[in-house]
Amino acid sequence: YSQWRVGLGIFDRDGLSRQLYFAYVRDIRSMTRRGIGPSGRLALELMWAPVKHRDFFTVGTQTFTERLSNEMYAGARYERLLTNSQGFYGGVTPHFRRSRLESVDGVPLNAPTEWEYDGVWYRLGYIIELPFRTKGNMTHHVGIVFHPRGAARFEWRISFGFLRHRGRDSFGLRPGNRNPYQEGGQVE
């Protein structure tokens, strides 16, 4: 019902960019301690991308060059598994970027590097989770990330869960399960 995740991801930003991923995931019903609430899990997550990228933009008649050095997303993701290994997710993550204004009309500037808020990004996609016999699993998130201003990106994240508590660690029937197709094996 709970686990920690560490992983790597790629997302589309004028080519594929790498990303480190950290999350704490918990079953929503176990959070309330009464077993009420929607079925699914909540992931509190942090994503960091060591991006080296230059942006060029114009304001009026001036051309600005900005150097982007890091990006960070921090937010929450709702995960709903429809089978024991597959489902869907949706999330909301505020975006922060660390950048520095390099030049205006080709004239270099000595501006400091600063973190700035860049709005909220939304995430939708497909989840595949493969449990291990030991207390962990491998989770794939494949989907899109989009911004209200119209920008959209592809994302694919692979993470490994560890310190998992009370989760399933096998597929299909377990050795102790009764067979419902044999006489006297009806499951109640």
Protein backbone atom coordinates (compact mmCIF):
# COMPACT_ATOMS: atom_id res chain seq x y z
CA TYR A 1 0.00 0.00 0.00
CA SER A 2 3.00 2.31 0.09
CA GLN A 3 6.40 2.53 -1.54
CA TRP A 4 9.26 4.84 -2.43
CA ARG A 5 10.28 5.20 -6.09
CA VAL A 6 13.50 6.25 -7.76
CA GLY A 7 13.84 6.35 -11.50
CA LEU A 8 14.86 7.90 -14.79
CA GLY A 9 12.71 9.46 -17.43
CA ILE A 10 12.90 11.09 -20.83
CA PHE A 11 10.71 13.85 -22.15
CA ASP A 12 10.58 15.78 -25.39
CA ARG A 13 12.15 19.22 -25.38
CA ASP A 14 13.62 19.91 -28.83
CA GLY A 15 14.98 16.37 -28.67
CA LEU A 16 14.94 13.93 -25.79
CA SER A 17 15.93 15.26 -22.36
CA ARG A 18 16.76 13.16 -19.32
CA GLN A 19 15.11 13.44 -15.94
CA LEU A 20 15.61 12.01 -12.43
CA TYR A 21 12.48 10.96 -10.57
CA PHE A 22 11.69 10.52 -6.84
CA ALA A 23 8.26 9.74 -5.36
CA TYR A 24 6.40 8.50 -2.33
CA VAL A 25 3.32 6.47 -3.32
CA ARG A 26 0.47 5.45 -1.02
CA ASP A 27 -2.93 3.83 -1.43
CA ILE A 28 -5.63 6.49 -0.92
CA ARG A 29 -7.93 4.27 1.14
CA SER A 30 -5.15 3.38 3.57
CA MET A 31 -4.37 7.09 4.02
CA THR A 32 -7.77 7.67 5.59
CA ARG A 33 -7.33 4.68 7.98
CA ARG A 34 -11.02 3.94 7.51
CA GLY A 35 -10.86 2.43 4.05
CA ILE A 36 -12.95 5.18 2.47
CA GLY A 37 -12.21 7.33 -0.53
CA PRO A 38 -11.55 6.61 -4.19
CA SER A 39 -9.76 3.46 -5.22
CA GLY A 40 -6.25 4.19 -6.41
CA ARG A 41 -2.94 5.61 -5.29
CA LEU A 42 -1.51 9.06 -4.78
CA ALA A 43 2.13 9.71 -5.72
CA LEU A 44 3.86 12.78 -4.28
CA GLU A 45 6.71 13.31 -6.69
CA LEU A 46 9.74 15.37 -7.56
CA MET A 47 11.32 15.38 -11.02
CA TRP A 48 14.60 17.11 -11.82
CA ALA A 49 16.08 17.58 -15.29
CA PRO A 50 19.67 18.77 -15.75
CA VAL A 51 18.89 20.46 -19.07
CA LYS A 52 21.34 22.59 -21.02
CA HIS A 53 19.29 24.58 -23.48
CA ARG A 54 19.27 28.05 -25.08
CA ASP A 55 16.04 29.88 -25.85
CA PHE A 56 15.76 32.85 -28.20
CA PHE A 57 12.74 35.15 -27.99
CA THR A 58 11.81 38.66 -29.02
CA VAL A 59 10.02 41.41 -27.14
CA GLY A 60 9.18 44.37 -29.34
CA THR A 61 12.29 44.88 -31.49
CA GLN A 62 14.80 43.32 -29.07
CA THR A 63 16.06 39.73 -29.28
CA PHE A 64 16.86 38.00 -25.98
CA THR A 65 18.98 34.89 -25.40
CA GLU A 66 18.24 32.87 -22.28
CA ARG A 67 20.31 29.95 -20.96
CA LEU A 68 18.28 27.25 -19.23
CA SER A 69 20.32 25.01 -16.89
CA ASN A 70 17.80 23.04 -14.78
CA GLU A 71 14.12 22.21 -14.64
CA MET A 72 12.15 20.84 -11.70
CA TYR A 73 8.60 19.57 -11.38
CA ALA A 74 7.04 18.91 -7.96
CA GLY A 75 3.48 17.74 -7.56
CA ALA A 76 1.00 14.89 -7.24
CA ARG A 77 -0.17 12.09 -9.50
CA TYR A 78 -3.29 9.93 -9.16
CA GLU A 79 -2.77 6.33 -10.32
CA ARG A 80 -5.61 3.88 -10.93
CA LEU A 81 -4.66 0.31 -11.78
CA LEU A 82 -7.39 -1.53 -13.73
CA THR A 83 -5.61 -4.90 -13.54
CA ASN A 84 -2.86 -6.08 -11.22
CA SER A 85 -0.26 -4.59 -13.57
CA GLN A 86 -1.83 -1.91 -15.84
CA GLY A 87 -3.85 1.25 -15.54
CA PHE A 88 -3.93 5.01 -16.07
CA TYR A 89 -2.61 8.11 -14.33
CA GLY A 90 -3.25 11.83 -14.21
CA GLY A 91 -1.21 14.46 -12.43
CA VAL A 92 -0.61 18.11 -11.73
CA THR A 93 2.94 19.40 -11.34
CA PRO A 94 4.08 23.00 -10.94
CA HIS A 95 7.16 23.68 -13.07
CA PHE A 96 10.25 25.60 -11.94
CA ARG A 97 13.18 26.48 -14.18
CA ARG A 98 16.63 27.81 -13.44
CA SER A 99 17.76 30.21 -16.12
CA ARG A 100 19.97 33.16 -16.85
CA LEU A 101 19.54 35.97 -19.38
CA GLU A 102 22.70 35.80 -21.52
CA SER A 103 22.31 38.61 -24.04
CA VAL A 104 20.07 41.28 -25.50
CA ASP A 105 20.51 41.93 -29.25
CA GLY A 106 23.81 40.02 -29.12
CA VAL A 107 25.27 42.15 -26.30
CA PRO A 108 26.37 39.82 -23.43
CA LEU A 109 24.91 40.41 -19.99
CA ASN A 110 26.23 39.45 -16.57
CA ALA A 111 22.84 38.49 -15.13
CA PRO A 112 22.56 36.07 -12.19
CA THR A 113 21.09 32.58 -12.55
CA GLU A 114 17.66 32.40 -10.88
CA TRP A 115 14.88 29.90 -10.22
CA GLU A 116 11.51 30.99 -11.62
CA TYR A 117 7.99 29.57 -11.59
CA ASP A 118 6.82 28.55 -15.08
CA GLY A 119 3.21 27.51 -14.47
CA VAL A 120 1.41 24.22 -13.93
CA TRP A 121 1.84 21.21 -16.23
CA TYR A 122 -0.70 18.39 -16.48
CA ARG A 123 0.16 14.72 -17.04
CA LEU A 124 -1.98 11.94 -18.51
CA GLY A 125 -0.96 8.48 -19.53
CA TYR A 126 -0.69 4.74 -19.17
CA ILE A 127 1.00 2.87 -16.32
CA ILE A 128 2.53 -0.62 -16.35
CA GLU A 129 3.79 -2.02 -13.06
CA LEU A 130 5.80 -5.24 -12.82
CA PRO A 131 6.28 -6.58 -9.28
CA PHE A 132 9.44 -8.35 -8.13
CA ARG A 133 9.61 -11.23 -5.68
CA THR A 134 11.58 -9.02 -3.32
CA LYS A 135 9.86 -5.98 -1.86
CA GLY A 136 9.95 -3.82 -4.95
CA ASN A 137 8.69 -3.36 -8.48
CA MET A 138 9.40 -1.65 -11.81
CA THR A 139 6.89 0.96 -12.98
CA HIS A 140 6.59 2.51 -16.45
CA HIS A 141 4.70 5.77 -17.01
CA VAL A 142 4.09 6.54 -20.70
CA GLY A 143 2.04 9.59 -21.62
CA ILE A 144 1.85 13.27 -22.42
CA VAL A 145 2.66 16.37 -20.43
CA PHE A 146 0.90 19.56 -21.47
CA HIS A 147 0.67 23.20 -20.46
CA PRO A 148 -2.43 25.44 -20.76
CA ARG A 149 -0.48 27.70 -23.15
CA GLY A 150 -0.60 24.88 -25.70
CA ALA A 151 2.82 23.28 -25.27
CA ALA A 152 2.78 19.47 -25.12
CA ARG A 153 5.54 16.92 -24.56
CA PHE A 154 5.91 13.16 -24.58
CA GLU A 155 7.14 11.47 -21.39
CA TRP A 156 8.39 7.98 -20.56
CA ARG A 157 9.54 7.22 -17.06
CA ILE A 158 10.94 3.99 -15.60
CA SER A 159 11.13 3.83 -11.83
CA PHE A 160 11.98 1.18 -9.28
CA GLY A 161 9.92 0.93 -6.14
CA PHE A 162 11.50 -0.13 -2.90
CA LEU A 163 10.45 -0.43 0.74
CA ARG A 164 7.04 -1.57 -0.51
CA HIS A 165 4.58 -2.59 2.20
CA ARG A 166 1.66 -5.00 1.75
CA GLY A 167 1.70 -4.99 -2.04
CA ARG A 168 1.34 -7.94 -4.40
CA ASP A 169 4.57 -9.60 -5.54
CA SER A 170 3.38 -12.17 -8.09
CA PHE A 171 1.08 -12.61 -11.09
CA GLY A 172 -1.85 -14.99 -11.54
CA LEU A 173 -2.77 -17.79 -9.16
CA ARG A 174 -0.73 -18.36 -6.05
CA PRO A 175 0.20 -21.89 -4.92
CA GLY A 176 -2.31 -21.85 -2.02
CA ASN A 177 -5.31 -20.67 -4.10
CA ARG A 178 -8.16 -23.11 -4.79
CA ASN A 179 -8.94 -23.95 -8.41
CA PRO A 180 -12.48 -22.72 -9.29
CA TYR A 181 -12.70 -25.18 -12.24
CA GLN A 182 -12.42 -28.33 -10.14
CA GLU A 183 -15.18 -29.92 -8.08
CA GLY A 184 -15.38 -28.37 -4.62
CA GLY A 185 -13.12 -25.54 -5.68
CA GLN A 186 -15.72 -22.80 -5.88
CA VAL A 187 -14.42 -19.48 -4.65
CA GLU A 188 -16.76 -17.82 -2.17
